[in-house]
Amino acid sequence: MIVTIDGVAASGKSSVAARVAQQLNLPFVSSGLLYRAVARLALKHDVPTQDQEALLRLLDSHALELRPYAQGNEVWCEGEDLTHELHTAEVDAAVSRVAQHSQLRAWVNEQLRALPEPFVVEGRDMGTAVFPQASVKFYLTASARVRAERRAGERTGDVDAVEAALRERDRHDAAQSRPAPDALLLDTSNLSLDEVVSCILKAVPA
């Protein structure tokens, strides 16, 4: 069984998917960490994020490995755990540019499809481009203001500035962030984490 949980930035995908995976006793896969890892490598090695060929060469010389667990994900590069470096404002600003490259998206999708089933996976287009055969699909959304307040609460930052950045990211991510036709849409603006998880668990086949 594959359960996909897609949605816009800061809609709660990672937190929800992790909790759902725990409840179902399945591994949790965070697809976005691979894009973030590529962005982190590009920043570290001064590779322009708009240069797809340069990014692919970077991956050829610096192998990335996603390690999914029920309790969370890790991304390793040549014996080094990069996970703690992937959620910064600098990476936030670069990851959308990285994710727009078609060949890079194909590389990420290849890594994800190689993972052993079953699992719960979250991302932008898991239910459309990557796992269209998934058993059950969900798509999370929330107002830009609510998402900004959540993100500002997790990290330091002005809510207005975070909201502006999220709206810009929504614009960049629009092509990759459409819900699958057979996905269940959930607006999480006025729902707690527990309520969202409960809605999803009720819809997952026994």
C-alpha atoms as a PDB file:
ATOM      1  CA  MET A   1       0.000   0.000   0.000  1.00  0.00           C
ATOM      2  CA  ILE A   2       1.118   3.535  -0.817  1.00  0.00           C
ATOM      3  CA  VAL A   3      -0.599   6.541   0.782  1.00  0.00           C
ATOM      4  CA  THR A   4       0.222   9.908  -0.826  1.00  0.00           C
ATOM      5  CA  ILE A   5      -0.181  13.214   1.001  1.00  0.00           C
ATOM      6  CA  ASP A   6       0.415  16.203  -1.273  1.00  0.00           C
ATOM      7  CA  GLY A   7      -0.191  19.896  -0.751  1.00  0.00           C
ATOM      8  CA  VAL A   8       1.080  23.442  -0.870  1.00  0.00           C
ATOM      9  CA  ALA A   9       4.068  24.684   1.127  1.00  0.00           C
ATOM     10  CA  ALA A  10       3.565  24.783   4.920  1.00  0.00           C
ATOM     11  CA  SER A  11       0.172  23.064   4.710  1.00  0.00           C
ATOM     12  CA  GLY A  12       1.277  20.524   7.311  1.00  0.00           C
ATOM     13  CA  LYS A  13       2.161  17.682   4.934  1.00  0.00           C
ATOM     14  CA  SER A  14       5.235  16.471   6.810  1.00  0.00           C
ATOM     15  CA  SER A  15       3.682  16.549  10.276  1.00  0.00           C
ATOM     16  CA  VAL A  16       0.491  14.892   9.067  1.00  0.00           C
ATOM     17  CA  ALA A  17       2.267  12.233   7.000  1.00  0.00           C
ATOM     18  CA  ALA A  18       4.608  11.376   9.868  1.00  0.00           C
ATOM     19  CA  ARG A  19       1.708  10.962  12.293  1.00  0.00           C
ATOM     20  CA  VAL A  20      -0.339   8.924   9.803  1.00  0.00           C
ATOM     21  CA  ALA A  21       2.649   6.657   9.142  1.00  0.00           C
ATOM     22  CA  GLN A  22       3.095   6.089  12.874  1.00  0.00           C
ATOM     23  CA  GLN A  23      -0.576   5.210  13.284  1.00  0.00           C
ATOM     24  CA  LEU A  24      -0.437   2.787  10.343  1.00  0.00           C
ATOM     25  CA  ASN A  25       2.950   1.432  11.438  1.00  0.00           C
ATOM     26  CA  LEU A  26       4.445   2.245   8.032  1.00  0.00           C
ATOM     27  CA  PRO A  27       7.646   4.032   6.958  1.00  0.00           C
ATOM     28  CA  PHE A  28       7.245   7.762   6.285  1.00  0.00           C
ATOM     29  CA  VAL A  29       8.819   9.199   3.116  1.00  0.00           C
ATOM     30  CA  SER A  30       9.470  12.942   2.804  1.00  0.00           C
ATOM     31  CA  SER A  31      10.131  13.604  -0.888  1.00  0.00           C
ATOM     32  CA  GLY A  32      10.873  17.268  -0.280  1.00  0.00           C
ATOM     33  CA  LEU A  33      13.999  16.432   1.682  1.00  0.00           C
ATOM     34  CA  LEU A  34      15.704  15.271  -1.501  1.00  0.00           C
ATOM     35  CA  TYR A  35      15.005  18.607  -3.194  1.00  0.00           C
ATOM     36  CA  ARG A  36      16.174  20.401  -0.078  1.00  0.00           C
ATOM     37  CA  ALA A  37      19.337  18.310  -0.036  1.00  0.00           C
ATOM     38  CA  VAL A  38      20.088  19.246  -3.637  1.00  0.00           C
ATOM     39  CA  ALA A  39      19.507  22.913  -2.789  1.00  0.00           C
ATOM     40  CA  ARG A  40      21.804  22.617   0.240  1.00  0.00           C
ATOM     41  CA  LEU A  41      24.548  21.026  -1.864  1.00  0.00           C
ATOM     42  CA  ALA A  42      24.193  23.739  -4.496  1.00  0.00           C
ATOM     43  CA  LEU A  43      24.534  26.484  -1.882  1.00  0.00           C
ATOM     44  CA  LYS A  44      27.476  24.738  -0.233  1.00  0.00           C
ATOM     45  CA  HIS A  45      29.358  24.276  -3.504  1.00  0.00           C
ATOM     46  CA  ASP A  46      28.349  27.596  -5.126  1.00  0.00           C
ATOM     47  CA  VAL A  47      26.421  25.905  -7.937  1.00  0.00           C
ATOM     48  CA  PRO A  48      23.714  28.147  -9.480  1.00  0.00           C
ATOM     49  CA  THR A  49      20.305  26.685  -8.682  1.00  0.00           C
ATOM     50  CA  GLN A  50      19.005  27.760 -12.088  1.00  0.00           C
ATOM     51  CA  ASP A  51      21.661  25.642 -13.880  1.00  0.00           C
ATOM     52  CA  GLN A  52      20.117  22.182 -14.270  1.00  0.00           C
ATOM     53  CA  GLU A  53      23.147  20.578 -15.917  1.00  0.00           C
ATOM     54  CA  ALA A  54      25.438  21.837 -13.172  1.00  0.00           C
ATOM     55  CA  LEU A  55      23.081  20.464 -10.509  1.00  0.00           C
ATOM     56  CA  LEU A  56      23.030  17.049 -12.197  1.00  0.00           C
ATOM     57  CA  ARG A  57      26.824  17.022 -12.336  1.00  0.00           C
ATOM     58  CA  LEU A  58      26.838  17.891  -8.638  1.00  0.00           C
ATOM     59  CA  LEU A  59      24.674  14.843  -7.922  1.00  0.00           C
ATOM     60  CA  ASP A  60      27.004  12.653  -9.964  1.00  0.00           C
ATOM     61  CA  SER A  61      29.900  13.634  -7.710  1.00  0.00           C
ATOM     62  CA  HIS A  62      27.988  13.831  -4.393  1.00  0.00           C
ATOM     63  CA  ALA A  63      25.622  10.882  -3.986  1.00  0.00           C
ATOM     64  CA  LEU A  64      22.510  11.568  -1.889  1.00  0.00           C
ATOM     65  CA  GLU A  65      20.622   8.862  -0.009  1.00  0.00           C
ATOM     66  CA  LEU A  66      17.158   9.246   1.514  1.00  0.00           C
ATOM     67  CA  ARG A  67      16.600   6.973   4.523  1.00  0.00           C
ATOM     68  CA  PRO A  68      12.899   6.754   5.468  1.00  0.00           C
ATOM     69  CA  TYR A  69      11.825   5.576   8.919  1.00  0.00           C
ATOM     70  CA  ALA A  70       8.488   5.581  10.704  1.00  0.00           C
ATOM     71  CA  GLN A  71       9.804   8.245  13.081  1.00  0.00           C
ATOM     72  CA  GLY A  72      11.217  10.498  10.358  1.00  0.00           C
ATOM     73  CA  ASN A  73      13.631  10.781   7.452  1.00  0.00           C
ATOM     74  CA  GLU A  74      17.332  11.308   7.089  1.00  0.00           C
ATOM     75  CA  VAL A  75      19.345  12.423   4.064  1.00  0.00           C
ATOM     76  CA  TRP A  76      22.968  11.351   3.882  1.00  0.00           C
ATOM     77  CA  CYS A  77      25.754  12.432   1.580  1.00  0.00           C
ATOM     78  CA  GLU A  78      29.024  10.531   1.538  1.00  0.00           C
ATOM     79  CA  GLY A  79      28.791   9.422   5.145  1.00  0.00           C
ATOM     80  CA  GLU A  80      27.446  12.752   6.458  1.00  0.00           C
ATOM     81  CA  ASP A  81      23.936  13.289   7.800  1.00  0.00           C
ATOM     82  CA  LEU A  82      22.635  16.491   6.178  1.00  0.00           C
ATOM     83  CA  THR A  83      19.157  16.363   7.707  1.00  0.00           C
ATOM     84  CA  HIS A  84      19.723  19.108  10.295  1.00  0.00           C
ATOM     85  CA  GLU A  85      20.881  21.529   7.553  1.00  0.00           C
ATOM     86  CA  LEU A  86      17.830  21.248   5.320  1.00  0.00           C
ATOM     87  CA  HIS A  87      15.244  23.461   7.034  1.00  0.00           C
ATOM     88  CA  THR A  88      16.760  26.935   6.881  1.00  0.00           C
ATOM     89  CA  ALA A  89      15.524  30.168   5.295  1.00  0.00           C
ATOM     90  CA  GLU A  90      18.383  29.934   2.802  1.00  0.00           C
ATOM     91  CA  VAL A  91      17.305  26.472   1.660  1.00  0.00           C
ATOM     92  CA  ASP A  92      13.643  27.574   1.668  1.00  0.00           C
ATOM     93  CA  ALA A  93      14.514  30.320  -0.812  1.00  0.00           C
ATOM     94  CA  ALA A  94      16.428  27.983  -3.142  1.00  0.00           C
ATOM     95  CA  VAL A  95      14.388  24.779  -3.147  1.00  0.00           C
ATOM     96  CA  SER A  96      11.608  25.947  -5.506  1.00  0.00           C
ATOM     97  CA  ARG A  97      14.142  26.870  -8.180  1.00  0.00           C
ATOM     98  CA  VAL A  98      15.743  23.452  -7.841  1.00  0.00           C
ATOM     99  CA  ALA A  99      12.404  21.635  -8.056  1.00  0.00           C
ATOM    100  CA  GLN A 100      11.439  23.324 -11.336  1.00  0.00           C
ATOM    101  CA  HIS A 101      14.060  21.414 -13.348  1.00  0.00           C
ATOM    102  CA  SER A 102      12.450  18.500 -15.201  1.00  0.00           C
ATOM    103  CA  GLN A 103      15.542  16.266 -15.246  1.00  0.00           C
ATOM    104  CA  LEU A 104      16.137  16.851 -11.554  1.00  0.00           C
ATOM    105  CA  ARG A 105      12.526  16.003 -10.776  1.00  0.00           C
ATOM    106  CA  ALA A 106      12.956  12.820 -12.796  1.00  0.00           C
ATOM    107  CA  TRP A 107      16.033  11.969 -10.700  1.00  0.00           C
ATOM    108  CA  VAL A 108      14.140  12.494  -7.448  1.00  0.00           C
ATOM    109  CA  ASN A 109      11.183  10.448  -8.695  1.00  0.00           C
ATOM    110  CA  GLU A 110      13.530   7.613  -9.613  1.00  0.00           C
ATOM    111  CA  GLN A 111      14.932   7.550  -6.068  1.00  0.00           C
ATOM    112  CA  LEU A 112      11.413   7.485  -4.615  1.00  0.00           C
ATOM    113  CA  ARG A 113      10.119   4.722  -6.872  1.00  0.00           C
ATOM    114  CA  ALA A 114      13.080   2.561  -5.854  1.00  0.00           C
ATOM    115  CA  LEU A 115      11.946   2.547  -2.211  1.00  0.00           C
ATOM    116  CA  PRO A 116      10.318  -0.675  -0.973  1.00  0.00           C
ATOM    117  CA  GLU A 117       6.578  -0.545  -0.320  1.00  0.00           C
ATOM    118  CA  PRO A 118       4.475  -0.027   1.742  1.00  0.00           C
ATOM    119  CA  PHE A 119       4.881   3.569   2.953  1.00  0.00           C
ATOM    120  CA  VAL A 120       3.240   6.971   3.456  1.00  0.00           C
ATOM    121  CA  VAL A 121       4.799   9.618   1.203  1.00  0.00           C
ATOM    122  CA  GLU A 122       4.340  13.377   1.211  1.00  0.00           C
ATOM    123  CA  GLY A 123       5.255  15.991  -1.375  1.00  0.00           C
ATOM    124  CA  ARG A 124       3.927  18.140  -4.203  1.00  0.00           C
ATOM    125  CA  ASP A 125       3.039  15.629  -6.928  1.00  0.00           C
ATOM    126  CA  MET A 126       3.265  12.215  -5.306  1.00  0.00           C
ATOM    127  CA  GLY A 127      -0.299  11.268  -6.260  1.00  0.00           C
ATOM    128  CA  THR A 128      -0.029  12.627  -9.806  1.00  0.00           C
ATOM    129  CA  ALA A 129       3.454  12.194 -11.307  1.00  0.00           C
ATOM    130  CA  VAL A 130       5.233   9.775  -8.990  1.00  0.00           C
ATOM    131  CA  PHE A 131       2.720   7.269  -7.612  1.00  0.00           C
ATOM    132  CA  PRO A 132      -0.469   7.551  -9.699  1.00  0.00           C
ATOM    133  CA  GLN A 133      -1.218   3.954  -8.723  1.00  0.00           C
ATOM    134  CA  ALA A 134      -1.280   4.807  -4.999  1.00  0.00           C
ATOM    135  CA  SER A 135      -3.954   3.094  -2.914  1.00  0.00           C
ATOM    136  CA  VAL A 136      -5.309   6.346  -1.499  1.00  0.00           C
ATOM    137  CA  LYS A 137      -4.411   9.998  -2.080  1.00  0.00           C
ATOM    138  CA  PHE A 138      -4.833  13.217  -0.112  1.00  0.00           C
ATOM    139  CA  TYR A 139      -4.164  16.879  -0.860  1.00  0.00           C
ATOM    140  CA  LEU A 140      -3.739  19.434   1.944  1.00  0.00           C
ATOM    141  CA  THR A 141      -4.224  23.157   1.625  1.00  0.00           C
ATOM    142  CA  ALA A 142      -4.645  26.147   3.943  1.00  0.00           C
ATOM    143  CA  SER A 143      -4.794  29.909   3.612  1.00  0.00           C
ATOM    144  CA  ALA A 144      -1.479  31.671   3.050  1.00  0.00           C
ATOM    145  CA  ARG A 145      -1.905  33.573   6.326  1.00  0.00           C
ATOM    146  CA  VAL A 146      -2.473  30.453   8.396  1.00  0.00           C
ATOM    147  CA  ARG A 147       0.496  28.753   6.772  1.00  0.00           C
ATOM    148  CA  ALA A 148       2.681  31.796   7.437  1.00  0.00           C
ATOM    149  CA  GLU A 149       1.671  31.870  11.097  1.00  0.00           C
ATOM    150  CA  ARG A 150       2.500  28.180  11.444  1.00  0.00           C
ATOM    151  CA  ARG A 151       5.886  28.529   9.800  1.00  0.00           C
ATOM    152  CA  ALA A 152       6.770  31.673  11.738  1.00  0.00           C
ATOM    153  CA  GLY A 153       5.896  29.770  14.907  1.00  0.00           C
ATOM    154  CA  GLU A 154       8.309  26.996  13.969  1.00  0.00           C
ATOM    155  CA  ARG A 155      11.170  29.338  13.102  1.00  0.00           C
ATOM    156  CA  THR A 156      12.075  32.944  13.686  1.00  0.00           C
ATOM    157  CA  GLY A 157      10.601  35.333  11.148  1.00  0.00           C
ATOM    158  CA  ASP A 158       8.066  38.077  10.534  1.00  0.00           C
ATOM    159  CA  VAL A 159       4.647  36.663   9.653  1.00  0.00           C
ATOM    160  CA  ASP A 160       4.045  39.180   6.845  1.00  0.00           C
ATOM    161  CA  ALA A 161       7.417  38.408   5.276  1.00  0.00           C
ATOM    162  CA  VAL A 162       6.843  34.668   5.604  1.00  0.00           C
ATOM    163  CA  GLU A 163       3.405  35.021   4.002  1.00  0.00           C
ATOM    164  CA  ALA A 164       4.867  36.959   1.071  1.00  0.00           C
ATOM    165  CA  ALA A 165       7.536  34.289   0.614  1.00  0.00           C
ATOM    166  CA  LEU A 166       4.919  31.521   0.710  1.00  0.00           C
ATOM    167  CA  ARG A 167       2.750  33.249  -1.884  1.00  0.00           C
ATOM    168  CA  GLU A 168       5.789  33.562  -4.150  1.00  0.00           C
ATOM    169  CA  ARG A 169       6.616  29.905  -3.602  1.00  0.00           C
ATOM    170  CA  ASP A 170       3.018  28.950  -4.409  1.00  0.00           C
ATOM    171  CA  ARG A 171       3.427  30.774  -7.712  1.00  0.00           C
ATOM    172  CA  HIS A 172       6.666  28.927  -8.520  1.00  0.00           C
ATOM    173  CA  ASP A 173       5.289  25.563  -7.403  1.00  0.00           C
ATOM    174  CA  ALA A 174       1.928  25.846  -9.156  1.00  0.00           C
ATOM    175  CA  ALA A 175       2.797  23.449 -11.995  1.00  0.00           C
ATOM    176  CA  GLN A 176       3.924  20.742  -9.577  1.00  0.00           C
ATOM    177  CA  SER A 177       1.266  21.267  -6.917  1.00  0.00           C
ATOM    178  CA  ARG A 178      -1.995  20.265  -8.564  1.00  0.00           C
ATOM    179  CA  PRO A 179      -4.072  17.679  -6.686  1.00  0.00           C
ATOM    180  CA  ALA A 180      -4.659  14.307  -8.289  1.00  0.00           C
ATOM    181  CA  PRO A 181      -8.200  13.963  -9.696  1.00  0.00           C
ATOM    182  CA  ASP A 182      -8.890  11.134  -7.255  1.00  0.00           C
ATOM    183  CA  ALA A 183      -7.345  12.831  -4.211  1.00  0.00           C
ATOM    184  CA  LEU A 184      -9.357  13.774  -1.126  1.00  0.00           C
ATOM    185  CA  LEU A 185      -8.914  17.528  -0.560  1.00  0.00           C
ATOM    186  CA  LEU A 186      -8.552  18.762   3.018  1.00  0.00           C
ATOM    187  CA  ASP A 187      -8.411  22.441   3.978  1.00  0.00           C
ATOM    188  CA  THR A 188      -6.410  22.414   7.213  1.00  0.00           C
ATOM    189  CA  SER A 189      -6.823  26.134   8.001  1.00  0.00           C
ATOM    190  CA  ASN A 190      -9.204  25.495  10.890  1.00  0.00           C
ATOM    191  CA  LEU A 191      -8.188  21.940  11.752  1.00  0.00           C
ATOM    192  CA  SER A 192      -5.739  20.727  14.355  1.00  0.00           C
ATOM    193  CA  LEU A 193      -3.062  18.190  13.494  1.00  0.00           C
ATOM    194  CA  ASP A 194      -5.038  15.486  15.296  1.00  0.00           C
ATOM    195  CA  GLU A 195      -8.195  16.345  13.341  1.00  0.00           C
ATOM    196  CA  VAL A 196      -6.407  16.170   9.975  1.00  0.00           C
ATOM    197  CA  VAL A 197      -4.813  12.848  10.886  1.00  0.00           C
ATOM    198  CA  SER A 198      -8.167  11.491  12.011  1.00  0.00           C
ATOM    199  CA  CYS A 199      -9.793  12.466   8.685  1.00  0.00           C
ATOM    200  CA  ILE A 200      -7.076  10.687   6.749  1.00  0.00           C
ATOM    201  CA  LEU A 201      -7.086   7.532   8.870  1.00  0.00           C
ATOM    202  CA  LYS A 202     -10.843   7.209   8.432  1.00  0.00           C
ATOM    203  CA  ALA A 203     -10.386   7.269   4.640  1.00  0.00           C
ATOM    204  CA  VAL A 204      -7.510   4.779   4.474  1.00  0.00           C
ATOM    205  CA  PRO A 205      -8.723   1.261   3.595  1.00  0.00           C
ATOM    206  CA  ALA A 206      -8.422  -1.195   6.449  1.00  0.00           C
END
